[in-house]
Amino acid sequence: MEKLMFIQTGMGIDVHGQNVTHASLRAVQNAINSNSMPGIREALPDQDLNNMKVKVKLALPADLDKLDEEEVKQAIPYGEVTVEKLEGGMMTTSGIVLEEKNDSNDQMYIVNASVEVGY
């Protein structure tokens, strides 16, 4: 990324199912859902949203190898998206195992996201 313009952060939780992708998608959505960047088109090369570069950094508590990076990339509507996985996040008890929610244990996964936007 040549020029960094915005950094948005978010947190996502998968309370049941121990799915790091679900928690990551929620973290990315949390980071971008209440943001508007009305002037970004004019700042981008050729004023094209597809020239935007987006770097998604995810701090995952476990199962880094199980993250569906392509699904995470689809959560970003424009630009060239890359995903970086970092050890971090948090696992804590949900207090209950719900087999109908695909729980294999009572852990919930908490993921932190940083979404960097530029060109």
PDB file of N, CA and C in Angstrom:
ATOM      1  N   MET A   1       0.847  -1.167   0.000  1.00  0.00           N
ATOM      2  CA  MET A   1       0.000   0.000   0.000  1.00  0.00           C
ATOM      3  C   MET A   1       0.898   1.237   0.000  1.00  0.00           C
ATOM      4  N   GLU A   2       0.729   2.062  -1.000  1.00  0.00           N
ATOM      5  CA  GLU A   2       1.540   3.263  -1.148  1.00  0.00           C
ATOM      6  C   GLU A   2       1.112   4.367  -0.179  1.00  0.00           C
ATOM      7  N   LYS A   3      -0.191   4.573  -0.067  1.00  0.00           N
ATOM      8  CA  LYS A   3      -0.705   5.634   0.802  1.00  0.00           C
ATOM      9  C   LYS A   3      -1.827   5.070   1.669  1.00  0.00           C
ATOM     10  N   LEU A   4      -1.631   5.105   2.972  1.00  0.00           N
ATOM     11  CA  LEU A   4      -2.641   4.666   3.932  1.00  0.00           C
ATOM     12  C   LEU A   4      -3.547   5.837   4.252  1.00  0.00           C
ATOM     13  N   MET A   5      -4.865   5.627   4.134  1.00  0.00           N
ATOM     14  CA  MET A   5      -5.812   6.717   4.327  1.00  0.00           C
ATOM     15  C   MET A   5      -6.695   6.549   5.561  1.00  0.00           C
ATOM     16  N   PHE A   6      -7.158   5.340   5.826  1.00  0.00           N
ATOM     17  CA  PHE A   6      -8.069   5.078   6.934  1.00  0.00           C
ATOM     18  C   PHE A   6      -7.691   3.774   7.616  1.00  0.00           C
ATOM     19  N   ILE A   7      -7.943   3.716   8.913  1.00  0.00           N
ATOM     20  CA  ILE A   7      -7.852   2.459   9.657  1.00  0.00           C
ATOM     21  C   ILE A   7      -9.128   2.344  10.477  1.00  0.00           C
ATOM     22  N   GLN A   8      -9.817   1.246  10.297  1.00  0.00           N
ATOM     23  CA  GLN A   8     -11.046   0.979  11.031  1.00  0.00           C
ATOM     24  C   GLN A   8     -10.831  -0.288  11.840  1.00  0.00           C
ATOM     25  N   THR A   9     -11.361  -0.331  13.055  1.00  0.00           N
ATOM     26  CA  THR A   9     -11.176  -1.504  13.900  1.00  0.00           C
ATOM     27  C   THR A   9     -12.522  -2.055  14.350  1.00  0.00           C
ATOM     28  N   GLY A  10     -12.527  -3.356  14.633  1.00  0.00           N
ATOM     29  CA  GLY A  10     -13.756  -3.984  15.083  1.00  0.00           C
ATOM     30  C   GLY A  10     -13.482  -5.263  15.841  1.00  0.00           C
ATOM     31  N   MET A  11     -14.541  -5.790  16.437  1.00  0.00           N
ATOM     32  CA  MET A  11     -14.468  -7.030  17.197  1.00  0.00           C
ATOM     33  C   MET A  11     -15.647  -7.899  16.798  1.00  0.00           C
ATOM     34  N   GLY A  12     -15.411  -9.196  16.715  1.00  0.00           N
ATOM     35  CA  GLY A  12     -16.474 -10.135  16.396  1.00  0.00           C
ATOM     36  C   GLY A  12     -16.369 -11.376  17.259  1.00  0.00           C
ATOM     37  N   ILE A  13     -17.526 -11.950  17.564  1.00  0.00           N
ATOM     38  CA  ILE A  13     -17.577 -13.111  18.454  1.00  0.00           C
ATOM     39  C   ILE A  13     -18.401 -14.224  17.811  1.00  0.00           C
ATOM     40  N   ASP A  14     -17.901 -15.439  17.903  1.00  0.00           N
ATOM     41  CA  ASP A  14     -18.710 -16.626  17.610  1.00  0.00           C
ATOM     42  C   ASP A  14     -18.956 -17.298  18.947  1.00  0.00           C
ATOM     43  N   VAL A  15     -20.162 -17.102  19.481  1.00  0.00           N
ATOM     44  CA  VAL A  15     -20.487 -17.604  20.816  1.00  0.00           C
ATOM     45  C   VAL A  15     -20.609 -19.124  20.818  1.00  0.00           C
ATOM     46  N   HIS A  16     -21.175 -19.676  19.755  1.00  0.00           N
ATOM     47  CA  HIS A  16     -21.342 -21.126  19.663  1.00  0.00           C
ATOM     48  C   HIS A  16     -20.848 -21.620  18.314  1.00  0.00           C
ATOM     49  N   GLY A  17     -20.160 -22.730  18.323  1.00  0.00           N
ATOM     50  CA  GLY A  17     -19.701 -23.357  17.097  1.00  0.00           C
ATOM     51  C   GLY A  17     -18.203 -23.309  16.886  1.00  0.00           C
ATOM     52  N   GLN A  18     -17.518 -22.451  17.656  1.00  0.00           N
ATOM     53  CA  GLN A  18     -16.061 -22.358  17.580  1.00  0.00           C
ATOM     54  C   GLN A  18     -15.587 -22.185  16.138  1.00  0.00           C
ATOM     55  N   ASN A  19     -16.191 -21.216  15.427  1.00  0.00           N
ATOM     56  CA  ASN A  19     -15.863 -20.980  14.030  1.00  0.00           C
ATOM     57  C   ASN A  19     -15.142 -19.647  13.900  1.00  0.00           C
ATOM     58  N   VAL A  20     -13.850 -19.718  13.629  1.00  0.00           N
ATOM     59  CA  VAL A  20     -13.024 -18.522  13.556  1.00  0.00           C
ATOM     60  C   VAL A  20     -13.409 -17.648  12.358  1.00  0.00           C
ATOM     61  N   THR A  21     -13.919 -18.233  11.292  1.00  0.00           N
ATOM     62  CA  THR A  21     -14.362 -17.439  10.144  1.00  0.00           C
ATOM     63  C   THR A  21     -15.587 -16.616  10.502  1.00  0.00           C
ATOM     64  N   HIS A  22     -16.559 -17.217  11.194  1.00  0.00           N
ATOM     65  CA  HIS A  22     -17.754 -16.463  11.609  1.00  0.00           C
ATOM     66  C   HIS A  22     -17.373 -15.279  12.487  1.00  0.00           C
ATOM     67  N   ALA A  23     -16.504 -15.507  13.454  1.00  0.00           N
ATOM     68  CA  ALA A  23     -16.072 -14.423  14.338  1.00  0.00           C
ATOM     69  C   ALA A  23     -15.313 -13.353  13.550  1.00  0.00           C
ATOM     70  N   SER A  24     -14.505 -13.760  12.590  1.00  0.00           N
ATOM     71  CA  SER A  24     -13.744 -12.804  11.776  1.00  0.00           C
ATOM     72  C   SER A  24     -14.655 -11.950  10.910  1.00  0.00           C
ATOM     73  N   LEU A  25     -15.665 -12.561  10.302  1.00  0.00           N
ATOM     74  CA  LEU A  25     -16.618 -11.806   9.491  1.00  0.00           C
ATOM     75  C   LEU A  25     -17.350 -10.769  10.339  1.00  0.00           C
ATOM     76  N   ARG A  26     -17.714 -11.159  11.542  1.00  0.00           N
ATOM     77  CA  ARG A  26     -18.382 -10.211  12.437  1.00  0.00           C
ATOM     78  C   ARG A  26     -17.444  -9.068  12.821  1.00  0.00           C
ATOM     79  N   ALA A  27     -16.174  -9.362  13.007  1.00  0.00           N
ATOM     80  CA  ALA A  27     -15.204  -8.320  13.356  1.00  0.00           C
ATOM     81  C   ALA A  27     -15.014  -7.341  12.192  1.00  0.00           C
ATOM     82  N   VAL A  28     -14.924  -7.854  10.977  1.00  0.00           N
ATOM     83  CA  VAL A  28     -14.774  -6.997   9.807  1.00  0.00           C
ATOM     84  C   VAL A  28     -16.025  -6.141   9.622  1.00  0.00           C
ATOM     85  N   GLN A  29     -17.190  -6.760   9.735  1.00  0.00           N
ATOM     86  CA  GLN A  29     -18.441  -5.999   9.615  1.00  0.00           C
ATOM     87  C   GLN A  29     -18.529  -4.922  10.687  1.00  0.00           C
ATOM     88  N   ASN A  30     -18.120  -5.243  11.901  1.00  0.00           N
ATOM     89  CA  ASN A  30     -18.121  -4.265  12.980  1.00  0.00           C
ATOM     90  C   ASN A  30     -17.213  -3.089  12.648  1.00  0.00           C
ATOM     91  N   ALA A  31     -16.101  -3.365  11.995  1.00  0.00           N
ATOM     92  CA  ALA A  31     -15.145  -2.317  11.643  1.00  0.00           C
ATOM     93  C   ALA A  31     -15.672  -1.400  10.541  1.00  0.00           C
ATOM     94  N   ILE A  32     -16.403  -1.940   9.579  1.00  0.00           N
ATOM     95  CA  ILE A  32     -16.764  -1.138   8.410  1.00  0.00           C
ATOM     96  C   ILE A  32     -18.219  -0.690   8.363  1.00  0.00           C
ATOM     97  N   ASN A  33     -19.089  -1.260   9.180  1.00  0.00           N
ATOM     98  CA  ASN A  33     -20.523  -0.994   9.043  1.00  0.00           C
ATOM     99  C   ASN A  33     -20.944   0.444   9.296  1.00  0.00           C
ATOM    100  N   SER A  34     -20.320   1.148  10.175  1.00  0.00           N
ATOM    101  CA  SER A  34     -20.796   2.501  10.477  1.00  0.00           C
ATOM    102  C   SER A  34     -19.805   3.563  10.006  1.00  0.00           C
ATOM    103  N   ASN A  35     -19.135   3.284   8.908  1.00  0.00           N
ATOM    104  CA  ASN A  35     -18.181   4.236   8.343  1.00  0.00           C
ATOM    105  C   ASN A  35     -18.637   4.660   6.952  1.00  0.00           C
ATOM    106  N   SER A  36     -18.384   5.896   6.635  1.00  0.00           N
ATOM    107  CA  SER A  36     -18.630   6.416   5.299  1.00  0.00           C
ATOM    108  C   SER A  36     -17.381   7.172   4.876  1.00  0.00           C
ATOM    109  N   MET A  37     -16.954   6.941   3.652  1.00  0.00           N
ATOM    110  CA  MET A  37     -15.753   7.608   3.137  1.00  0.00           C
ATOM    111  C   MET A  37     -16.122   8.332   1.844  1.00  0.00           C
ATOM    112  N   PRO A  38     -16.913   9.418   1.938  1.00  0.00           N
ATOM    113  CA  PRO A  38     -17.448  10.049   0.729  1.00  0.00           C
ATOM    114  C   PRO A  38     -16.399  10.630  -0.213  1.00  0.00           C
ATOM    115  N   GLY A  39     -15.239  10.994   0.269  1.00  0.00           N
ATOM    116  CA  GLY A  39     -14.232  11.601  -0.591  1.00  0.00           C
ATOM    117  C   GLY A  39     -13.196  10.640  -1.129  1.00  0.00           C
ATOM    118  N   ILE A  40     -13.324   9.363  -0.818  1.00  0.00           N
ATOM    119  CA  ILE A  40     -12.254   8.434  -1.192  1.00  0.00           C
ATOM    120  C   ILE A  40     -12.127   8.264  -2.702  1.00  0.00           C
ATOM    121  N   ARG A  41     -13.232   8.274  -3.417  1.00  0.00           N
ATOM    122  CA  ARG A  41     -13.162   8.066  -4.873  1.00  0.00           C
ATOM    123  C   ARG A  41     -12.240   9.105  -5.524  1.00  0.00           C
ATOM    124  N   GLU A  42     -12.360  10.369  -5.106  1.00  0.00           N
ATOM    125  CA  GLU A  42     -11.546  11.424  -5.694  1.00  0.00           C
ATOM    126  C   GLU A  42     -10.063  11.255  -5.358  1.00  0.00           C
ATOM    127  N   ALA A  43      -9.762  10.604  -4.238  1.00  0.00           N
ATOM    128  CA  ALA A  43      -8.374  10.430  -3.813  1.00  0.00           C
ATOM    129  C   ALA A  43      -7.688   9.238  -4.479  1.00  0.00           C
ATOM    130  N   LEU A  44      -8.471   8.316  -5.010  1.00  0.00           N
ATOM    131  CA  LEU A  44      -7.908   7.093  -5.593  1.00  0.00           C
ATOM    132  C   LEU A  44      -7.400   7.326  -7.013  1.00  0.00           C
ATOM    133  N   PRO A  45      -6.384   6.567  -7.420  1.00  0.00           N
ATOM    134  CA  PRO A  45      -5.917   6.648  -8.807  1.00  0.00           C
ATOM    135  C   PRO A  45      -7.078   6.400  -9.776  1.00  0.00           C
ATOM    136  N   ASP A  46      -7.193   7.219 -10.788  1.00  0.00           N
ATOM    137  CA  ASP A  46      -8.257   7.151 -11.798  1.00  0.00           C
ATOM    138  C   ASP A  46      -9.651   7.273 -11.189  1.00  0.00           C
ATOM    139  N   GLN A  47      -9.728   7.711  -9.939  1.00  0.00           N
ATOM    140  CA  GLN A  47     -11.004   7.873  -9.219  1.00  0.00           C
ATOM    141  C   GLN A  47     -11.873   6.619  -9.311  1.00  0.00           C
ATOM    142  N   ASP A  48     -11.212   5.477  -9.194  1.00  0.00           N
ATOM    143  CA  ASP A  48     -11.859   4.169  -9.340  1.00  0.00           C
ATOM    144  C   ASP A  48     -11.779   3.412  -8.014  1.00  0.00           C
ATOM    145  N   LEU A  49     -12.929   3.034  -7.471  1.00  0.00           N
ATOM    146  CA  LEU A  49     -12.956   2.306  -6.201  1.00  0.00           C
ATOM    147  C   LEU A  49     -12.215   0.974  -6.266  1.00  0.00           C
ATOM    148  N   ASN A  50     -12.097   0.414  -7.455  1.00  0.00           N
ATOM    149  CA  ASN A  50     -11.362  -0.844  -7.586  1.00  0.00           C
ATOM    150  C   ASN A  50      -9.860  -0.663  -7.446  1.00  0.00           C
ATOM    151  N   ASN A  51      -9.371   0.584  -7.435  1.00  0.00           N
ATOM    152  CA  ASN A  51      -7.949   0.854  -7.206  1.00  0.00           C
ATOM    153  C   ASN A  51      -7.627   0.982  -5.722  1.00  0.00           C
ATOM    154  N   MET A  52      -8.648   0.870  -4.887  1.00  0.00           N
ATOM    155  CA  MET A  52      -8.442   0.910  -3.446  1.00  0.00           C
ATOM    156  C   MET A  52      -7.756  -0.384  -3.015  1.00  0.00           C
ATOM    157  N   LYS A  53      -6.848  -0.273  -2.075  1.00  0.00           N
ATOM    158  CA  LYS A  53      -6.216  -1.451  -1.472  1.00  0.00           C
ATOM    159  C   LYS A  53      -6.701  -1.542  -0.034  1.00  0.00           C
ATOM    160  N   VAL A  54      -7.087  -2.744   0.352  1.00  0.00           N
ATOM    161  CA  VAL A  54      -7.625  -2.972   1.694  1.00  0.00           C
ATOM    162  C   VAL A  54      -6.850  -4.120   2.326  1.00  0.00           C
ATOM    163  N   LYS A  55      -6.257  -3.849   3.472  1.00  0.00           N
ATOM    164  CA  LYS A  55      -5.541  -4.889   4.210  1.00  0.00           C
ATOM    165  C   LYS A  55      -6.334  -5.184   5.482  1.00  0.00           C
ATOM    166  N   VAL A  56      -6.778  -6.417   5.600  1.00  0.00           N
ATOM    167  CA  VAL A  56      -7.524  -6.853   6.776  1.00  0.00           C
ATOM    168  C   VAL A  56      -6.566  -7.645   7.662  1.00  0.00           C
ATOM    169  N   LYS A  57      -6.375  -7.165   8.877  1.00  0.00           N
ATOM    170  CA  LYS A  57      -5.562  -7.885   9.865  1.00  0.00           C
ATOM    171  C   LYS A  57      -6.511  -8.460  10.902  1.00  0.00           C
ATOM    172  N   LEU A  58      -6.349  -9.757  11.169  1.00  0.00           N
ATOM    173  CA  LEU A  58      -7.219 -10.448  12.118  1.00  0.00           C
ATOM    174  C   LEU A  58      -6.393 -11.085  13.223  1.00  0.00           C
ATOM    175  N   ALA A  59      -6.711 -10.746  14.462  1.00  0.00           N
ATOM    176  CA  ALA A  59      -6.082 -11.387  15.624  1.00  0.00           C
ATOM    177  C   ALA A  59      -7.011 -12.517  16.062  1.00  0.00           C
ATOM    178  N   LEU A  60      -6.564 -13.745  15.819  1.00  0.00           N
ATOM    179  CA  LEU A  60      -7.378 -14.941  16.023  1.00  0.00           C
ATOM    180  C   LEU A  60      -6.911 -15.700  17.262  1.00  0.00           C
ATOM    181  N   PRO A  61      -7.858 -16.191  18.082  1.00  0.00           N
ATOM    182  CA  PRO A  61      -7.465 -16.892  19.293  1.00  0.00           C
ATOM    183  C   PRO A  61      -7.047 -18.345  19.058  1.00  0.00           C
ATOM    184  N   ALA A  62      -7.465 -18.914  17.936  1.00  0.00           N
ATOM    185  CA  ALA A  62      -7.192 -20.329  17.653  1.00  0.00           C
ATOM    186  C   ALA A  62      -7.530 -20.606  16.192  1.00  0.00           C
ATOM    187  N   ASP A  63      -7.185 -21.794  15.740  1.00  0.00           N
ATOM    188  CA  ASP A  63      -7.602 -22.290  14.425  1.00  0.00           C
ATOM    189  C   ASP A  63      -7.241 -21.355  13.267  1.00  0.00           C
ATOM    190  N   LEU A  64      -6.044 -20.766  13.306  1.00  0.00           N
ATOM    191  CA  LEU A  64      -5.627 -19.874  12.229  1.00  0.00           C
ATOM    192  C   LEU A  64      -5.715 -20.560  10.872  1.00  0.00           C
ATOM    193  N   ASP A  65      -5.423 -21.851  10.833  1.00  0.00           N
ATOM    194  CA  ASP A  65      -5.447 -22.601   9.582  1.00  0.00           C
ATOM    195  C   ASP A  65      -6.864 -22.869   9.077  1.00  0.00           C
ATOM    196  N   LYS A  66      -7.874 -22.657   9.922  1.00  0.00           N
ATOM    197  CA  LYS A  66      -9.265 -22.907   9.516  1.00  0.00           C
ATOM    198  C   LYS A  66      -9.967 -21.659   8.999  1.00  0.00           C
ATOM    199  N   LEU A  67      -9.303 -20.508   9.023  1.00  0.00           N
ATOM    200  CA  LEU A  67      -9.916 -19.276   8.543  1.00  0.00           C
ATOM    201  C   LEU A  67     -10.129 -19.351   7.037  1.00  0.00           C
ATOM    202  N   ASP A  68     -11.341 -19.067   6.596  1.00  0.00           N
ATOM    203  CA  ASP A  68     -11.654 -19.005   5.172  1.00  0.00           C
ATOM    204  C   ASP A  68     -11.375 -17.577   4.702  1.00  0.00           C
ATOM    205  N   GLU A  69     -10.152 -17.347   4.222  1.00  0.00           N
ATOM    206  CA  GLU A  69      -9.727 -16.012   3.815  1.00  0.00           C
ATOM    207  C   GLU A  69     -10.558 -15.473   2.662  1.00  0.00           C
ATOM    208  N   GLU A  70     -10.970 -16.331   1.749  1.00  0.00           N
ATOM    209  CA  GLU A  70     -11.777 -15.883   0.613  1.00  0.00           C
ATOM    210  C   GLU A  70     -13.132 -15.360   1.077  1.00  0.00           C
ATOM    211  N   GLU A  71     -13.714 -16.001   2.066  1.00  0.00           N
ATOM    212  CA  GLU A  71     -14.992 -15.530   2.600  1.00  0.00           C
ATOM    213  C   GLU A  71     -14.823 -14.166   3.273  1.00  0.00           C
ATOM    214  N   VAL A  72     -13.725 -13.975   3.977  1.00  0.00           N
ATOM    215  CA  VAL A  72     -13.441 -12.686   4.613  1.00  0.00           C
ATOM    216  C   VAL A  72     -13.252 -11.610   3.545  1.00  0.00           C
ATOM    217  N   LYS A  73     -12.527 -11.919   2.476  1.00  0.00           N
ATOM    218  CA  LYS A  73     -12.310 -10.950   1.401  1.00  0.00           C
ATOM    219  C   LYS A  73     -13.629 -10.505   0.782  1.00  0.00           C
ATOM    220  N   GLN A  74     -14.590 -11.407   0.690  1.00  0.00           N
ATOM    221  CA  GLN A  74     -15.889 -11.082   0.096  1.00  0.00           C
ATOM    222  C   GLN A  74     -16.679 -10.074   0.938  1.00  0.00           C
ATOM    223  N   ALA A  75     -16.300  -9.899   2.194  1.00  0.00           N
ATOM    224  CA  ALA A  75     -16.988  -8.942   3.069  1.00  0.00           C
ATOM    225  C   ALA A  75     -16.620  -7.503   2.729  1.00  0.00           C
ATOM    226  N   ILE A  76     -15.564  -7.312   1.957  1.00  0.00           N
ATOM    227  CA  ILE A  76     -15.124  -5.978   1.546  1.00  0.00           C
ATOM    228  C   ILE A  76     -15.629  -5.752   0.120  1.00  0.00           C
ATOM    229  N   PRO A  77     -16.473  -4.733  -0.094  1.00  0.00           N
ATOM    230  CA  PRO A  77     -17.137  -4.600  -1.392  1.00  0.00           C
ATOM    231  C   PRO A  77     -16.283  -4.079  -2.542  1.00  0.00           C
ATOM    232  N   TYR A  78     -15.160  -3.409  -2.267  1.00  0.00           N
ATOM    233  CA  TYR A  78     -14.369  -2.807  -3.334  1.00  0.00           C
ATOM    234  C   TYR A  78     -12.886  -3.051  -3.112  1.00  0.00           C
ATOM    235  N   GLY A  79     -12.141  -2.944  -4.197  1.00  0.00           N
ATOM    236  CA  GLY A  79     -10.696  -2.915  -4.111  1.00  0.00           C
ATOM    237  C   GLY A  79     -10.017  -4.264  -4.071  1.00  0.00           C
ATOM    238  N   GLU A  80      -8.708  -4.187  -3.946  1.00  0.00           N
ATOM    239  CA  GLU A  80      -7.847  -5.364  -3.824  1.00  0.00           C
ATOM    240  C   GLU A  80      -7.674  -5.646  -2.334  1.00  0.00           C
ATOM    241  N   VAL A  81      -8.133  -6.810  -1.908  1.00  0.00           N
ATOM    242  CA  VAL A  81      -8.175  -7.136  -0.474  1.00  0.00           C
ATOM    243  C   VAL A  81      -7.148  -8.214  -0.147  1.00  0.00           C
ATOM    244  N   THR A  82      -6.372  -7.981   0.911  1.00  0.00           N
ATOM    245  CA  THR A  82      -5.476  -8.993   1.445  1.00  0.00           C
ATOM    246  C   THR A  82      -5.847  -9.240   2.903  1.00  0.00           C
ATOM    247  N   VAL A  83      -5.539 -10.434   3.373  1.00  0.00           N
ATOM    248  CA  VAL A  83      -5.848 -10.820   4.747  1.00  0.00           C
ATOM    249  C   VAL A  83      -4.566 -11.278   5.425  1.00  0.00           C
ATOM    250  N   GLU A  84      -4.330 -10.735   6.610  1.00  0.00           N
ATOM    251  CA  GLU A  84      -3.186 -11.151   7.423  1.00  0.00           C
ATOM    252  C   GLU A  84      -3.716 -11.732   8.723  1.00  0.00           C
ATOM    253  N   LYS A  85      -3.275 -12.951   9.040  1.00  0.00           N
ATOM    254  CA  LYS A  85      -3.688 -13.630  10.273  1.00  0.00           C
ATOM    255  C   LYS A  85      -2.606 -13.459  11.331  1.00  0.00           C
ATOM    256  N   LEU A  86      -3.030 -13.082  12.521  1.00  0.00           N
ATOM    257  CA  LEU A  86      -2.119 -12.905  13.640  1.00  0.00           C
ATOM    258  C   LEU A  86      -2.627 -13.712  14.825  1.00  0.00           C
ATOM    259  N   GLU A  87      -1.717 -14.193  15.646  1.00  0.00           N
ATOM    260  CA  GLU A  87      -2.143 -14.838  16.884  1.00  0.00           C
ATOM    261  C   GLU A  87      -2.615 -13.755  17.839  1.00  0.00           C
ATOM    262  N   GLY A  88      -3.719 -13.993  18.482  1.00  0.00           N
ATOM    263  CA  GLY A  88      -4.272 -13.004  19.404  1.00  0.00           C
ATOM    264  C   GLY A  88      -5.718 -13.338  19.690  1.00  0.00           C
ATOM    265  N   GLY A  89      -6.537 -12.303  19.811  1.00  0.00           N
ATOM    266  CA  GLY A  89      -7.931 -12.538  20.112  1.00  0.00           C
ATOM    267  C   GLY A  89      -8.082 -13.144  21.493  1.00  0.00           C
ATOM    268  N   MET A  90      -9.193 -13.821  21.689  1.00  0.00           N
ATOM    269  CA  MET A  90      -9.476 -14.385  23.008  1.00  0.00           C
ATOM    270  C   MET A  90     -10.443 -15.551  22.889  1.00  0.00           C
ATOM    271  N   MET A  91     -10.266 -16.519  23.748  1.00  0.00           N
ATOM    272  CA  MET A  91     -11.246 -17.582  23.937  1.00  0.00           C
ATOM    273  C   MET A  91     -11.675 -17.514  25.389  1.00  0.00           C
ATOM    274  N   THR A  92     -12.964 -17.631  25.589  1.00  0.00           N
ATOM    275  CA  THR A  92     -13.494 -17.657  26.944  1.00  0.00           C
ATOM    276  C   THR A  92     -14.728 -18.533  26.955  1.00  0.00           C
ATOM    277  N   THR A  93     -15.191 -18.886  28.116  1.00  0.00           N
ATOM    278  CA  THR A  93     -16.336 -19.778  28.189  1.00  0.00           C
ATOM    279  C   THR A  93     -17.636 -19.072  27.821  1.00  0.00           C
ATOM    280  N   SER A  94     -18.485 -19.798  27.139  1.00  0.00           N
ATOM    281  CA  SER A  94     -19.842 -19.319  26.883  1.00  0.00           C
ATOM    282  C   SER A  94     -20.765 -19.764  28.008  1.00  0.00           C
ATOM    283  N   GLY A  95     -20.269 -20.670  28.829  1.00  0.00           N
ATOM    284  CA  GLY A  95     -21.036 -21.153  29.968  1.00  0.00           C
ATOM    285  C   GLY A  95     -21.932 -22.338  29.670  1.00  0.00           C
ATOM    286  N   ILE A  96     -22.000 -22.739  28.381  1.00  0.00           N
ATOM    287  CA  ILE A  96     -22.901 -23.834  28.022  1.00  0.00           C
ATOM    288  C   ILE A  96     -22.436 -24.455  26.699  1.00  0.00           C
ATOM    289  N   VAL A  97     -22.668 -25.739  26.551  1.00  0.00           N
ATOM    290  CA  VAL A  97     -22.421 -26.432  25.293  1.00  0.00           C
ATOM    291  C   VAL A  97     -23.777 -26.712  24.652  1.00  0.00           C
ATOM    292  N   LEU A  98     -23.963 -26.210  23.439  1.00  0.00           N
ATOM    293  CA  LEU A  98     -25.211 -26.433  22.698  1.00  0.00           C
ATOM    294  C   LEU A  98     -24.889 -27.234  21.447  1.00  0.00           C
ATOM    295  N   GLU A  99     -25.178 -28.512  21.500  1.00  0.00           N
ATOM    296  CA  GLU A  99     -24.871 -29.384  20.370  1.00  0.00           C
ATOM    297  C   GLU A  99     -25.611 -28.952  19.114  1.00  0.00           C
ATOM    298  N   GLU A 100     -26.845 -28.434  19.262  1.00  0.00           N
ATOM    299  CA  GLU A 100     -27.614 -27.993  18.096  1.00  0.00           C
ATOM    300  C   GLU A 100     -26.993 -26.760  17.415  1.00  0.00           C
ATOM    301  N   LYS A 101     -26.060 -26.101  18.099  1.00  0.00           N
ATOM    302  CA  LYS A 101     -25.325 -24.966  17.527  1.00  0.00           C
ATOM    303  C   LYS A 101     -23.922 -25.387  17.084  1.00  0.00           C
ATOM    304  N   ASN A 102     -23.697 -26.698  17.004  1.00  0.00           N
ATOM    305  CA  ASN A 102     -22.418 -27.281  16.572  1.00  0.00           C
ATOM    306  C   ASN A 102     -21.272 -27.027  17.538  1.00  0.00           C
ATOM    307  N   ASP A 103     -21.583 -26.823  18.813  1.00  0.00           N
ATOM    308  CA  ASP A 103     -20.524 -26.667  19.810  1.00  0.00           C
ATOM    309  C   ASP A 103     -19.767 -27.971  19.983  1.00  0.00           C
ATOM    310  N   SER A 104     -18.443 -27.884  19.989  1.00  0.00           N
ATOM    311  CA  SER A 104     -17.621 -29.031  20.344  1.00  0.00           C
ATOM    312  C   SER A 104     -17.110 -28.881  21.774  1.00  0.00           C
ATOM    313  N   ASN A 105     -17.278 -27.661  22.334  1.00  0.00           N
ATOM    314  CA  ASN A 105     -16.909 -27.366  23.718  1.00  0.00           C
ATOM    315  C   ASN A 105     -17.658 -26.094  24.126  1.00  0.00           C
ATOM    316  N   ASP A 106     -17.333 -25.542  25.274  1.00  0.00           N
ATOM    317  CA  ASP A 106     -18.050 -24.347  25.737  1.00  0.00           C
ATOM    318  C   ASP A 106     -17.301 -23.047  25.439  1.00  0.00           C
ATOM    319  N   GLN A 107     -16.350 -23.072  24.522  1.00  0.00           N
ATOM    320  CA  GLN A 107     -15.556 -21.887  24.231  1.00  0.00           C
ATOM    321  C   GLN A 107     -16.230 -20.986  23.200  1.00  0.00           C
ATOM    322  N   MET A 108     -16.142 -19.671  23.423  1.00  0.00           N
ATOM    323  CA  MET A 108     -16.505 -18.705  22.394  1.00  0.00           C
ATOM    324  C   MET A 108     -15.220 -18.070  21.883  1.00  0.00           C
ATOM    325  N   TYR A 109     -15.208 -17.758  20.589  1.00  0.00           N
ATOM    326  CA  TYR A 109     -14.041 -17.166  19.957  1.00  0.00           C
ATOM    327  C   TYR A 109     -14.273 -15.673  19.756  1.00  0.00           C
ATOM    328  N   ILE A 110     -13.303 -14.866  20.172  1.00  0.00           N
ATOM    329  CA  ILE A 110     -13.371 -13.418  20.013  1.00  0.00           C
ATOM    330  C   ILE A 110     -12.197 -13.000  19.121  1.00  0.00           C
ATOM    331  N   VAL A 111     -12.516 -12.326  18.013  1.00  0.00           N
ATOM    332  CA  VAL A 111     -11.520 -11.910  17.029  1.00  0.00           C
ATOM    333  C   VAL A 111     -11.501 -10.385  16.964  1.00  0.00           C
ATOM    334  N   ASN A 112     -10.319  -9.814  16.878  1.00  0.00           N
ATOM    335  CA  ASN A 112     -10.144  -8.388  16.669  1.00  0.00           C
ATOM    336  C   ASN A 112      -9.701  -8.166  15.228  1.00  0.00           C
ATOM    337  N   ALA A 113     -10.244  -7.097  14.622  1.00  0.00           N
ATOM    338  CA  ALA A 113      -9.917  -6.793  13.221  1.00  0.00           C
ATOM    339  C   ALA A 113      -9.425  -5.360  13.095  1.00  0.00           C
ATOM    340  N   SER A 114      -8.481  -5.186  12.184  1.00  0.00           N
ATOM    341  CA  SER A 114      -8.043  -3.864  11.749  1.00  0.00           C
ATOM    342  C   SER A 114      -8.181  -3.873  10.226  1.00  0.00           C
ATOM    343  N   VAL A 115      -8.900  -2.892   9.694  1.00  0.00           N
ATOM    344  CA  VAL A 115      -9.108  -2.792   8.255  1.00  0.00           C
ATOM    345  C   VAL A 115      -8.435  -1.504   7.790  1.00  0.00           C
ATOM    346  N   GLU A 116      -7.348  -1.672   7.046  1.00  0.00           N
ATOM    347  CA  GLU A 116      -6.566  -0.538   6.545  1.00  0.00           C
ATOM    348  C   GLU A 116      -6.961  -0.265   5.104  1.00  0.00           C
ATOM    349  N   VAL A 117      -7.245   0.999   4.799  1.00  0.00           N
ATOM    350  CA  VAL A 117      -7.715   1.384   3.459  1.00  0.00           C
ATOM    351  C   VAL A 117      -6.777   2.439   2.899  1.00  0.00           C
ATOM    352  N   GLY A 118      -6.400   2.236   1.661  1.00  0.00           N
ATOM    353  CA  GLY A 118      -5.539   3.198   0.981  1.00  0.00           C
ATOM    354  C   GLY A 118      -5.416   2.847  -0.485  1.00  0.00           C
ATOM    355  N   TYR A 119      -4.274   3.196  -1.049  1.00  0.00           N
ATOM    356  CA  TYR A 119      -4.006   2.827  -2.450  1.00  0.00           C
ATOM    357  C   TYR A 119      -2.515   2.684  -2.669  1.00  0.00           C
TER     358      TYR A 119
END
